[in-house]
């Protein structure tokens, strides 16, 4: 289980950056997601989400993108593998 802290959010952002994604926080009425714009990998997260929702969004994005574990150092590989096994439980 991930702790809901700014440090956790920063670790997830760093993992995505090291995988070549740029993380952006934008305002608007949309769901967070990852996309490729002009061969540039971008993750866009709704700016108005709570810390918990931001972390959950990034975890779901990390789980959905194709990642070669060989791209990661040992710490990040460990984080990535634990995220792959983590189930997100949304509050009612």
PDB file of N, CA and C in Angstrom:
ATOM      1  N   UNK A   1       0.840  -1.172   0.000  1.00  0.00           N
ATOM      2  CA  UNK A   1       0.000   0.000   0.000  1.00  0.00           C
ATOM      3  C   UNK A   1       0.893   1.246   0.000  1.00  0.00           C
ATOM      4  N   UNK A   2       0.565   2.187  -0.815  1.00  0.00           N
ATOM      5  CA  UNK A   2       1.329   3.424  -0.906  1.00  0.00           C
ATOM      6  C   UNK A   2       0.837   4.422   0.132  1.00  0.00           C
ATOM      7  N   UNK A   3       1.787   5.143   0.707  1.00  0.00           N
ATOM      8  CA  UNK A   3       1.382   6.213   1.609  1.00  0.00           C
ATOM      9  C   UNK A   3       0.995   7.427   0.768  1.00  0.00           C
ATOM     10  N   UNK A   4       0.046   8.176   1.252  1.00  0.00           N
ATOM     11  CA  UNK A   4      -0.457   9.349   0.535  1.00  0.00           C
ATOM     12  C   UNK A   4       0.317  10.565   1.031  1.00  0.00           C
ATOM     13  N   UNK A   5       1.506  10.773   0.447  1.00  0.00           N
ATOM     14  CA  UNK A   5       2.351  11.895   0.833  1.00  0.00           C
ATOM     15  C   UNK A   5       2.911  12.553  -0.427  1.00  0.00           C
ATOM     16  N   UNK A   6       3.408  13.762  -0.251  1.00  0.00           N
ATOM     17  CA  UNK A   6       4.046  14.451  -1.376  1.00  0.00           C
ATOM     18  C   UNK A   6       5.285  13.698  -1.847  1.00  0.00           C
ATOM     19  N   UNK A   7       5.965  13.023  -0.922  1.00  0.00           N
ATOM     20  CA  UNK A   7       7.149  12.249  -1.285  1.00  0.00           C
ATOM     21  C   UNK A   7       6.786  11.111  -2.243  1.00  0.00           C
ATOM     22  N   UNK A   8       5.680  10.444  -1.984  1.00  0.00           N
ATOM     23  CA  UNK A   8       5.217   9.375  -2.876  1.00  0.00           C
ATOM     24  C   UNK A   8       4.899   9.939  -4.250  1.00  0.00           C
ATOM     25  N   UNK A   9       4.226  11.075  -4.291  1.00  0.00           N
ATOM     26  CA  UNK A   9       3.906  11.727  -5.553  1.00  0.00           C
ATOM     27  C   UNK A   9       5.182  12.064  -6.323  1.00  0.00           C
ATOM     28  N   UNK A  10       6.178  12.589  -5.625  1.00  0.00           N
ATOM     29  CA  UNK A  10       7.451  12.932  -6.254  1.00  0.00           C
ATOM     30  C   UNK A  10       8.163  11.694  -6.795  1.00  0.00           C
ATOM     31  N   UNK A  11       8.093  10.573  -6.066  1.00  0.00           N
ATOM     32  CA  UNK A  11       8.713   9.332  -6.544  1.00  0.00           C
ATOM     33  C   UNK A  11       8.040   8.843  -7.824  1.00  0.00           C
ATOM     34  N   UNK A  12       6.719   8.934  -7.888  1.00  0.00           N
ATOM     35  CA  UNK A  12       5.996   8.513  -9.085  1.00  0.00           C
ATOM     36  C   UNK A  12       6.317   9.430 -10.270  1.00  0.00           C
ATOM     37  N   UNK A  13       6.383  10.732 -10.009  1.00  0.00           N
ATOM     38  CA  UNK A  13       6.736  11.680 -11.063  1.00  0.00           C
ATOM     39  C   UNK A  13       8.148  11.409 -11.576  1.00  0.00           C
ATOM     40  N   UNK A  14       9.086  11.117 -10.669  1.00  0.00           N
ATOM     41  CA  UNK A  14      10.472  10.832 -11.059  1.00  0.00           C
ATOM     42  C   UNK A  14      10.547   9.562 -11.897  1.00  0.00           C
ATOM     43  N   UNK A  15       9.773   8.549 -11.522  1.00  0.00           N
ATOM     44  CA  UNK A  15       9.745   7.312 -12.298  1.00  0.00           C
ATOM     45  C   UNK A  15       9.277   7.588 -13.717  1.00  0.00           C
ATOM     46  N   UNK A  16       8.217   8.352 -13.858  1.00  0.00           N
ATOM     47  CA  UNK A  16       7.716   8.691 -15.193  1.00  0.00           C
ATOM     48  C   UNK A  16       8.727   9.523 -15.979  1.00  0.00           C
ATOM     49  N   UNK A  17       9.365  10.470 -15.321  1.00  0.00           N
ATOM     50  CA  UNK A  17      10.380  11.294 -16.007  1.00  0.00           C
ATOM     51  C   UNK A  17      11.526  10.427 -16.512  1.00  0.00           C
ATOM     52  N   UNK A  18      11.968   9.491 -15.690  1.00  0.00           N
ATOM     53  CA  UNK A  18      13.069   8.615 -16.090  1.00  0.00           C
ATOM     54  C   UNK A  18      12.678   7.683 -17.232  1.00  0.00           C
ATOM     55  N   UNK A  19      11.380   7.473 -17.402  1.00  0.00           N
ATOM     56  CA  UNK A  19      10.893   6.663 -18.514  1.00  0.00           C
ATOM     57  C   UNK A  19      10.657   7.502 -19.769  1.00  0.00           C
ATOM     58  N   UNK A  20      10.954   8.799 -19.671  1.00  0.00           N
ATOM     59  CA  UNK A  20      10.842   9.668 -20.835  1.00  0.00           C
ATOM     60  C   UNK A  20       9.541  10.437 -20.940  1.00  0.00           C
ATOM     61  N   UNK A  21       8.717  10.384 -19.898  1.00  0.00           N
ATOM     62  CA  UNK A  21       7.449  11.116 -19.900  1.00  0.00           C
ATOM     63  C   UNK A  21       7.623  12.463 -19.221  1.00  0.00           C
ATOM     64  N   UNK A  22       6.914  13.448 -19.727  1.00  0.00           N
ATOM     65  CA  UNK A  22       6.842  14.750 -19.080  1.00  0.00           C
ATOM     66  C   UNK A  22       5.518  14.799 -18.328  1.00  0.00           C
ATOM     67  N   UNK A  23       5.547  15.131 -17.049  1.00  0.00           N
ATOM     68  CA  UNK A  23       4.333  15.178 -16.219  1.00  0.00           C
ATOM     69  C   UNK A  23       3.874  16.635 -16.140  1.00  0.00           C
ATOM     70  N   UNK A  24       2.608  16.846 -16.521  1.00  0.00           N
ATOM     71  CA  UNK A  24       2.030  18.194 -16.477  1.00  0.00           C
ATOM     72  C   UNK A  24       0.754  18.169 -15.667  1.00  0.00           C
ATOM     73  N   UNK A  25       0.520  19.243 -14.928  1.00  0.00           N
ATOM     74  CA  UNK A  25      -0.720  19.418 -14.177  1.00  0.00           C
ATOM     75  C   UNK A  25      -1.464  20.573 -14.825  1.00  0.00           C
ATOM     76  N   UNK A  26      -2.627  20.275 -15.368  1.00  0.00           N
ATOM     77  CA  UNK A  26      -3.415  21.273 -16.092  1.00  0.00           C
ATOM     78  C   UNK A  26      -4.815  21.325 -15.499  1.00  0.00           C
ATOM     79  N   UNK A  27      -5.451  22.496 -15.615  1.00  0.00           N
ATOM     80  CA  UNK A  27      -6.824  22.600 -15.146  1.00  0.00           C
ATOM     81  C   UNK A  27      -7.761  22.334 -16.313  1.00  0.00           C
ATOM     82  N   UNK A  28      -8.908  21.785 -15.961  1.00  0.00           N
ATOM     83  CA  UNK A  28      -9.893  21.477 -16.980  1.00  0.00           C
ATOM     84  C   UNK A  28     -10.816  20.369 -16.510  1.00  0.00           C
ATOM     85  N   UNK A  29     -11.758  20.039 -17.339  1.00  0.00           N
ATOM     86  CA  UNK A  29     -12.734  19.006 -17.025  1.00  0.00           C
ATOM     87  C   UNK A  29     -12.368  17.754 -17.826  1.00  0.00           C
ATOM     88  N   UNK A  30     -11.410  16.987 -17.336  1.00  0.00           N
ATOM     89  CA  UNK A  30     -10.945  15.801 -18.040  1.00  0.00           C
ATOM     90  C   UNK A  30     -10.410  14.798 -17.035  1.00  0.00           C
ATOM     91  N   UNK A  31     -10.248  13.561 -17.500  1.00  0.00           N
ATOM     92  CA  UNK A  31      -9.614  12.534 -16.697  1.00  0.00           C
ATOM     93  C   UNK A  31      -8.128  12.543 -17.014  1.00  0.00           C
ATOM     94  N   UNK A  32      -7.312  12.193 -16.057  1.00  0.00           N
ATOM     95  CA  UNK A  32      -5.869  12.162 -16.249  1.00  0.00           C
ATOM     96  C   UNK A  32      -5.503  11.034 -17.198  1.00  0.00           C
ATOM     97  N   UNK A  33      -4.360  11.190 -17.878  1.00  0.00           N
ATOM     98  CA  UNK A  33      -3.927  10.140 -18.775  1.00  0.00           C
ATOM     99  C   UNK A  33      -2.581  10.423 -19.394  1.00  0.00           C
ATOM    100  N   UNK A  34      -2.093   9.454 -20.162  1.00  0.00           N
ATOM    101  CA  UNK A  34      -0.815   9.572 -20.855  1.00  0.00           C
ATOM    102  C   UNK A  34      -1.090   9.592 -22.345  1.00  0.00           C
ATOM    103  N   UNK A  35      -0.267  10.336 -23.074  1.00  0.00           N
ATOM    104  CA  UNK A  35      -0.418  10.367 -24.525  1.00  0.00           C
ATOM    105  C   UNK A  35       0.921  10.724 -25.155  1.00  0.00           C
ATOM    106  N   UNK A  36       0.984  10.588 -26.465  1.00  0.00           N
ATOM    107  CA  UNK A  36       2.171  10.959 -27.210  1.00  0.00           C
ATOM    108  C   UNK A  36       1.774  12.081 -28.154  1.00  0.00           C
ATOM    109  N   UNK A  37       2.429  13.231 -28.005  1.00  0.00           N
ATOM    110  CA  UNK A  37       2.155  14.401 -28.836  1.00  0.00           C
ATOM    111  C   UNK A  37       3.432  14.714 -29.610  1.00  0.00           C
ATOM    112  N   UNK A  38       3.349  14.606 -30.916  1.00  0.00           N
ATOM    113  CA  UNK A  38       4.511  14.883 -31.765  1.00  0.00           C
ATOM    114  C   UNK A  38       5.748  14.156 -31.250  1.00  0.00           C
ATOM    115  N   UNK A  39       5.614  12.861 -31.027  1.00  0.00           N
ATOM    116  CA  UNK A  39       6.696  11.982 -30.577  1.00  0.00           C
ATOM    117  C   UNK A  39       7.233  12.330 -29.191  1.00  0.00           C
ATOM    118  N   UNK A  40       6.490  13.112 -28.439  1.00  0.00           N
ATOM    119  CA  UNK A  40       6.868  13.469 -27.077  1.00  0.00           C
ATOM    120  C   UNK A  40       5.881  12.811 -26.120  1.00  0.00           C
ATOM    121  N   UNK A  41       6.397  12.072 -25.151  1.00  0.00           N
ATOM    122  CA  UNK A  41       5.544  11.388 -24.183  1.00  0.00           C
ATOM    123  C   UNK A  41       5.122  12.378 -23.100  1.00  0.00           C
ATOM    124  N   UNK A  42       3.807  12.494 -22.900  1.00  0.00           N
ATOM    125  CA  UNK A  42       3.276  13.458 -21.941  1.00  0.00           C
ATOM    126  C   UNK A  42       2.232  12.771 -21.063  1.00  0.00           C
ATOM    127  N   UNK A  43       2.303  13.042 -19.776  1.00  0.00           N
ATOM    128  CA  UNK A  43       1.279  12.618 -18.825  1.00  0.00           C
ATOM    129  C   UNK A  43       0.614  13.893 -18.332  1.00  0.00           C
ATOM    130  N   UNK A  44      -0.706  13.959 -18.477  1.00  0.00           N
ATOM    131  CA  UNK A  44      -1.449  15.136 -18.038  1.00  0.00           C
ATOM    132  C   UNK A  44      -2.373  14.719 -16.897  1.00  0.00           C
ATOM    133  N   UNK A  45      -2.241  15.438 -15.789  1.00  0.00           N
ATOM    134  CA  UNK A  45      -3.038  15.154 -14.599  1.00  0.00           C
ATOM    135  C   UNK A  45      -3.865  16.400 -14.292  1.00  0.00           C
ATOM    136  N   UNK A  46      -5.120  16.183 -13.941  1.00  0.00           N
ATOM    137  CA  UNK A  46      -6.002  17.295 -13.600  1.00  0.00           C
ATOM    138  C   UNK A  46      -5.463  18.014 -12.364  1.00  0.00           C
ATOM    139  N   UNK A  47      -5.265  19.293 -12.490  1.00  0.00           N
ATOM    140  CA  UNK A  47      -4.690  20.144 -11.442  1.00  0.00           C
ATOM    141  C   UNK A  47      -5.558  20.205 -10.184  1.00  0.00           C
ATOM    142  N   UNK A  48      -6.856  19.980 -10.340  1.00  0.00           N
ATOM    143  CA  UNK A  48      -7.781  20.139  -9.223  1.00  0.00           C
ATOM    144  C   UNK A  48      -7.981  18.864  -8.410  1.00  0.00           C
ATOM    145  N   UNK A  49      -7.278  17.789  -8.747  1.00  0.00           N
ATOM    146  CA  UNK A  49      -7.414  16.548  -7.992  1.00  0.00           C
ATOM    147  C   UNK A  49      -6.710  16.667  -6.647  1.00  0.00           C
ATOM    148  N   UNK A  50      -7.202  15.915  -5.675  1.00  0.00           N
ATOM    149  CA  UNK A  50      -6.549  15.871  -4.360  1.00  0.00           C
ATOM    150  C   UNK A  50      -5.240  15.083  -4.492  1.00  0.00           C
ATOM    151  N   UNK A  51      -4.422  15.130  -3.463  1.00  0.00           N
ATOM    152  CA  UNK A  51      -3.151  14.407  -3.458  1.00  0.00           C
ATOM    153  C   UNK A  51      -3.378  12.914  -3.676  1.00  0.00           C
ATOM    154  N   UNK A  52      -4.359  12.358  -2.996  1.00  0.00           N
ATOM    155  CA  UNK A  52      -4.653  10.935  -3.139  1.00  0.00           C
ATOM    156  C   UNK A  52      -5.073  10.603  -4.571  1.00  0.00           C
ATOM    157  N   UNK A  53      -5.907  11.430  -5.161  1.00  0.00           N
ATOM    158  CA  UNK A  53      -6.358  11.198  -6.525  1.00  0.00           C
ATOM    159  C   UNK A  53      -5.209  11.341  -7.523  1.00  0.00           C
ATOM    160  N   UNK A  54      -4.303  12.279  -7.277  1.00  0.00           N
ATOM    161  CA  UNK A  54      -3.133  12.436  -8.145  1.00  0.00           C
ATOM    162  C   UNK A  54      -2.267  11.183  -8.106  1.00  0.00           C
ATOM    163  N   UNK A  55      -2.012  10.683  -6.896  1.00  0.00           N
ATOM    164  CA  UNK A  55      -1.198   9.478  -6.742  1.00  0.00           C
ATOM    165  C   UNK A  55      -1.882   8.302  -7.426  1.00  0.00           C
ATOM    166  N   UNK A  56      -3.178   8.127  -7.196  1.00  0.00           N
ATOM    167  CA  UNK A  56      -3.909   7.029  -7.828  1.00  0.00           C
ATOM    168  C   UNK A  56      -3.875   7.148  -9.346  1.00  0.00           C
ATOM    169  N   UNK A  57      -4.002   8.367  -9.872  1.00  0.00           N
ATOM    170  CA  UNK A  57      -3.959   8.582 -11.321  1.00  0.00           C
ATOM    171  C   UNK A  57      -2.604   8.189 -11.883  1.00  0.00           C
ATOM    172  N   UNK A  58      -1.528   8.626 -11.223  1.00  0.00           N
ATOM    173  CA  UNK A  58      -0.188   8.294 -11.714  1.00  0.00           C
ATOM    174  C   UNK A  58       0.084   6.796 -11.642  1.00  0.00           C
ATOM    175  N   UNK A  59      -0.390   6.144 -10.582  1.00  0.00           N
ATOM    176  CA  UNK A  59      -0.214   4.692 -10.475  1.00  0.00           C
ATOM    177  C   UNK A  59      -0.937   3.992 -11.624  1.00  0.00           C
ATOM    178  N   UNK A  60      -2.159   4.384 -11.895  1.00  0.00           N
ATOM    179  CA  UNK A  60      -2.915   3.773 -12.991  1.00  0.00           C
ATOM    180  C   UNK A  60      -2.238   4.023 -14.344  1.00  0.00           C
ATOM    181  N   UNK A  61      -1.687   5.209 -14.528  1.00  0.00           N
ATOM    182  CA  UNK A  61      -0.992   5.521 -15.775  1.00  0.00           C
ATOM    183  C   UNK A  61       0.259   4.661 -15.905  1.00  0.00           C
ATOM    184  N   UNK A  62       1.030   4.554 -14.832  1.00  0.00           N
ATOM    185  CA  UNK A  62       2.246   3.735 -14.857  1.00  0.00           C
ATOM    186  C   UNK A  62       1.898   2.287 -15.175  1.00  0.00           C
ATOM    187  N   UNK A  63       0.805   1.803 -14.603  1.00  0.00           N
ATOM    188  CA  UNK A  63       0.394   0.424 -14.851  1.00  0.00           C
ATOM    189  C   UNK A  63      -0.079   0.218 -16.285  1.00  0.00           C
ATOM    190  N   UNK A  64      -0.524   1.285 -16.948  1.00  0.00           N
ATOM    191  CA  UNK A  64      -1.103   1.129 -18.286  1.00  0.00           C
ATOM    192  C   UNK A  64      -0.106   1.339 -19.423  1.00  0.00           C
ATOM    193  N   UNK A  65       1.026   1.982 -19.168  1.00  0.00           N
ATOM    194  CA  UNK A  65       1.978   2.232 -20.247  1.00  0.00           C
ATOM    195  C   UNK A  65       2.965   1.075 -20.361  1.00  0.00           C
ATOM    196  N   UNK A  66       3.471   0.886 -21.568  1.00  0.00           N
ATOM    197  CA  UNK A  66       4.474  -0.157 -21.798  1.00  0.00           C
ATOM    198  C   UNK A  66       5.817   0.316 -21.267  1.00  0.00           C
ATOM    199  N   UNK A  67       6.356  -0.451 -20.351  1.00  0.00           N
ATOM    200  CA  UNK A  67       7.626  -0.092 -19.733  1.00  0.00           C
ATOM    201  C   UNK A  67       8.553  -1.291 -19.816  1.00  0.00           C
ATOM    202  N   UNK A  68       9.748  -1.051 -20.334  1.00  0.00           N
ATOM    203  CA  UNK A  68      10.783  -2.084 -20.309  1.00  0.00           C
ATOM    204  C   UNK A  68      11.515  -1.950 -18.982  1.00  0.00           C
ATOM    205  N   UNK A  69      11.412  -2.974 -18.163  1.00  0.00           N
ATOM    206  CA  UNK A  69      12.029  -2.915 -16.831  1.00  0.00           C
ATOM    207  C   UNK A  69      13.536  -2.697 -16.922  1.00  0.00           C
ATOM    208  N   UNK A  70      14.132  -3.018 -18.062  1.00  0.00           N
ATOM    209  CA  UNK A  70      15.569  -2.829 -18.224  1.00  0.00           C
ATOM    210  C   UNK A  70      15.947  -1.351 -18.260  1.00  0.00           C
ATOM    211  N   UNK A  71      14.979  -0.468 -18.474  1.00  0.00           N
ATOM    212  CA  UNK A  71      15.232   0.975 -18.483  1.00  0.00           C
ATOM    213  C   UNK A  71      15.444   1.532 -17.086  1.00  0.00           C
ATOM    214  N   UNK A  72      15.081   0.773 -16.081  1.00  0.00           N
ATOM    215  CA  UNK A  72      15.040   1.284 -14.713  1.00  0.00           C
ATOM    216  C   UNK A  72      16.223   0.804 -13.891  1.00  0.00           C
ATOM    217  N   UNK A  73      16.642   1.633 -12.923  1.00  0.00           N
ATOM    218  CA  UNK A  73      17.653   1.180 -11.981  1.00  0.00           C
ATOM    219  C   UNK A  73      16.972   0.276 -10.947  1.00  0.00           C
ATOM    220  N   UNK A  74      17.723  -0.293 -10.054  1.00  0.00           N
ATOM    221  CA  UNK A  74      17.173  -1.298  -9.135  1.00  0.00           C
ATOM    222  C   UNK A  74      16.076  -0.736  -8.227  1.00  0.00           C
ATOM    223  N   UNK A  75      16.242   0.503  -7.719  1.00  0.00           N
ATOM    224  CA  UNK A  75      15.220   1.096  -6.847  1.00  0.00           C
ATOM    225  C   UNK A  75      13.925   1.324  -7.604  1.00  0.00           C
ATOM    226  N   UNK A  76      14.059   1.885  -8.811  1.00  0.00           N
ATOM    227  CA  UNK A  76      12.864   2.170  -9.603  1.00  0.00           C
ATOM    228  C   UNK A  76      12.202   0.884 -10.076  1.00  0.00           C
ATOM    229  N   UNK A  77      12.993  -0.123 -10.396  1.00  0.00           N
ATOM    230  CA  UNK A  77      12.433  -1.405 -10.812  1.00  0.00           C
ATOM    231  C   UNK A  77      11.614  -2.004  -9.676  1.00  0.00           C
ATOM    232  N   UNK A  78      12.135  -1.896  -8.454  1.00  0.00           N
ATOM    233  CA  UNK A  78      11.417  -2.391  -7.284  1.00  0.00           C
ATOM    234  C   UNK A  78      10.100  -1.646  -7.099  1.00  0.00           C
ATOM    235  N   UNK A  79      10.136  -0.308  -7.231  1.00  0.00           N
ATOM    236  CA  UNK A  79       8.920   0.497  -7.120  1.00  0.00           C
ATOM    237  C   UNK A  79       7.926   0.103  -8.213  1.00  0.00           C
ATOM    238  N   UNK A  80       8.405   0.000  -9.446  1.00  0.00           N
ATOM    239  CA  UNK A  80       7.537  -0.352 -10.564  1.00  0.00           C
ATOM    240  C   UNK A  80       6.878  -1.717 -10.351  1.00  0.00           C
ATOM    241  N   UNK A  81       7.653  -2.712  -9.945  1.00  0.00           N
ATOM    242  CA  UNK A  81       7.093  -4.050  -9.733  1.00  0.00           C
ATOM    243  C   UNK A  81       6.076  -4.056  -8.596  1.00  0.00           C
ATOM    244  N   UNK A  82       6.317  -3.267  -7.552  1.00  0.00           N
ATOM    245  CA  UNK A  82       5.339  -3.207  -6.459  1.00  0.00           C
ATOM    246  C   UNK A  82       4.063  -2.494  -6.922  1.00  0.00           C
ATOM    247  N   UNK A  83       4.199  -1.486  -7.803  1.00  0.00           N
ATOM    248  CA  UNK A  83       3.019  -0.796  -8.333  1.00  0.00           C
ATOM    249  C   UNK A  83       2.186  -1.735  -9.201  1.00  0.00           C
ATOM    250  N   UNK A  84       2.849  -2.592  -9.951  1.00  0.00           N
ATOM    251  CA  UNK A  84       2.136  -3.526 -10.821  1.00  0.00           C
ATOM    252  C   UNK A  84       1.267  -4.483 -10.001  1.00  0.00           C
ATOM    253  N   UNK A  85       1.652  -4.716  -8.756  1.00  0.00           N
ATOM    254  CA  UNK A  85       0.908  -5.632  -7.897  1.00  0.00           C
ATOM    255  C   UNK A  85      -0.096  -4.909  -6.998  1.00  0.00           C
ATOM    256  N   UNK A  86      -0.069  -3.588  -7.017  1.00  0.00           N
ATOM    257  CA  UNK A  86      -0.927  -2.790  -6.148  1.00  0.00           C
ATOM    258  C   UNK A  86      -2.307  -2.624  -6.780  1.00  0.00           C
ATOM    259  N   UNK A  87      -3.325  -2.878  -6.000  1.00  0.00           N
ATOM    260  CA  UNK A  87      -4.692  -2.640  -6.450  1.00  0.00           C
ATOM    261  C   UNK A  87      -5.150  -1.317  -5.851  1.00  0.00           C
ATOM    262  N   UNK A  88      -5.702  -0.467  -6.683  1.00  0.00           N
ATOM    263  CA  UNK A  88      -6.218   0.819  -6.223  1.00  0.00           C
ATOM    264  C   UNK A  88      -7.631   0.626  -5.725  1.00  0.00           C
ATOM    265  N   UNK A  89      -7.868   1.025  -4.470  1.00  0.00           N
ATOM    266  CA  UNK A  89      -9.205   0.950  -3.898  1.00  0.00           C
ATOM    267  C   UNK A  89      -9.722   2.369  -3.788  1.00  0.00           C
ATOM    268  N   UNK A  90     -10.772   2.647  -4.535  1.00  0.00           N
ATOM    269  CA  UNK A  90     -11.355   3.988  -4.526  1.00  0.00           C
ATOM    270  C   UNK A  90     -12.375   4.115  -3.405  1.00  0.00           C
ATOM    271  N   UNK A  91     -12.388   5.253  -2.723  1.00  0.00           N
ATOM    272  CA  UNK A  91     -13.373   5.450  -1.645  1.00  0.00           C
ATOM    273  C   UNK A  91     -14.784   5.576  -2.238  1.00  0.00           C
ATOM    274  N   UNK A  92     -15.778   5.204  -1.439  1.00  0.00           N
ATOM    275  CA  UNK A  92     -17.179   5.279  -1.911  1.00  0.00           C
ATOM    276  C   UNK A  92     -17.642   6.686  -2.052  1.00  0.00           C
TER     277      UNK A  92
END
